Amino acid sequence: MKNIAALQALVTADDFDREPTAAELDAIEAEMPVILARVELLDAQIVTLDHTPTELDQRRIRRARRRVLATRRELANQAAAAETGGAA
């Protein structure tokens, strides 16, 4: 009888099977306002898929786009301030 254990692949976790690290979770948390703003924009766009957008729909989409841009700007400013140590 042959022993086939040496022919089997090792059972270890791949990079895809691991849990996120604390740094990755912190990065997600920092980007959460942008993620939520983009979800709001996507929701506004989905509403208009089945009908012609009304003026109210168009305003909702514009507002959502502005919120995405504003939150991305805030996140970029925070990153720049952290990089420079807050010095202007």
Protein backbone atom coordinates (compact mmCIF):
# COMPACT_ATOMS: atom_id res chain seq x y z
CA MET A 1 0.00 0.00 0.00
CA LYS A 2 1.37 3.39 -1.02
CA ASN A 3 1.39 6.41 1.22
CA ILE A 4 -0.11 9.31 -0.77
CA ALA A 5 0.15 11.98 1.93
CA ALA A 6 3.26 13.46 0.33
CA LEU A 7 1.36 14.04 -2.91
CA GLN A 8 -1.35 16.15 -1.30
CA ALA A 9 -1.11 19.91 -1.34
CA LEU A 10 -0.47 21.64 1.92
CA VAL A 11 -3.59 22.99 3.53
CA THR A 12 -2.71 26.56 4.40
CA ALA A 13 -4.56 29.81 4.07
CA ASP A 14 -3.95 31.75 0.90
CA ASP A 15 -3.75 35.53 0.88
CA PHE A 16 -7.36 35.57 -0.26
CA ASP A 17 -8.54 33.47 2.69
CA ARG A 18 -7.19 35.65 5.46
CA GLU A 19 -9.04 38.24 7.52
CA PRO A 20 -8.27 41.95 6.97
CA THR A 21 -5.53 43.41 9.09
CA ALA A 22 -6.08 46.27 11.52
CA ALA A 23 -4.46 48.68 9.06
CA GLU A 24 -6.78 47.56 6.27
CA LEU A 25 -9.80 47.96 8.53
CA ASP A 26 -8.61 51.46 9.49
CA ALA A 27 -8.26 52.37 5.81
CA ILE A 28 -11.78 51.14 5.11
CA GLU A 29 -13.09 53.10 8.07
CA ALA A 30 -11.35 56.24 6.85
CA GLU A 31 -12.90 55.85 3.39
CA MET A 32 -16.39 55.00 4.69
CA PRO A 33 -17.84 58.51 4.08
CA VAL A 34 -16.78 58.29 0.42
CA ILE A 35 -18.21 54.79 0.13
CA LEU A 36 -21.54 55.90 1.58
CA ALA A 37 -21.66 58.96 -0.68
CA ARG A 38 -21.03 56.78 -3.73
CA VAL A 39 -23.78 54.38 -2.63
CA GLU A 40 -26.15 57.34 -2.36
CA LEU A 41 -25.18 58.43 -5.90
CA LEU A 42 -25.72 54.91 -7.19
CA ASP A 43 -29.14 54.78 -5.53
CA ALA A 44 -30.10 58.07 -7.18
CA GLN A 45 -28.98 56.76 -10.56
CA ILE A 46 -30.81 53.45 -10.14
CA VAL A 47 -34.08 55.26 -9.48
CA THR A 48 -33.89 56.86 -12.92
CA LEU A 49 -33.28 53.63 -14.84
CA ASP A 50 -36.92 52.76 -15.41
CA HIS A 51 -38.26 56.23 -16.25
CA THR A 52 -37.23 59.57 -17.65
CA PRO A 53 -35.52 61.54 -14.89
CA THR A 54 -37.65 64.33 -13.47
CA GLU A 55 -36.22 67.62 -12.26
CA LEU A 56 -36.29 66.22 -8.73
CA ASP A 57 -34.33 63.14 -9.84
CA GLN A 58 -31.77 65.31 -11.59
CA ARG A 59 -31.33 67.47 -8.49
CA ARG A 60 -30.92 64.36 -6.34
CA ILE A 61 -28.20 63.04 -8.69
CA ARG A 62 -26.40 66.41 -8.76
CA ARG A 63 -26.56 66.64 -4.97
CA ALA A 64 -25.20 63.10 -4.63
CA ARG A 65 -22.36 63.87 -7.08
CA ARG A 66 -21.44 67.00 -5.14
CA ARG A 67 -21.44 65.00 -1.91
CA VAL A 68 -19.09 62.41 -3.45
CA LEU A 69 -16.72 65.15 -4.59
CA ALA A 70 -16.87 66.93 -1.23
CA THR A 71 -16.14 63.77 0.77
CA ARG A 72 -13.29 62.82 -1.57
CA ARG A 73 -11.86 66.34 -1.18
CA GLU A 74 -12.12 66.10 2.62
CA LEU A 75 -10.40 62.71 2.61
CA ALA A 76 -7.61 64.03 0.36
CA ASN A 77 -7.16 67.08 2.60
CA GLN A 78 -6.97 64.87 5.69
CA ALA A 79 -4.37 62.67 4.00
CA ALA A 80 -2.34 65.70 2.95
CA ALA A 81 -2.53 67.19 6.45
CA ALA A 82 -1.42 63.89 7.99
CA GLU A 83 1.44 63.66 5.50
CA THR A 84 2.73 67.17 6.22
CA GLY A 85 2.05 66.93 9.92
CA GLY A 86 -0.63 69.62 9.76
CA ALA A 87 1.76 72.33 8.64
CA ALA A 88 0.51 74.51 5.80
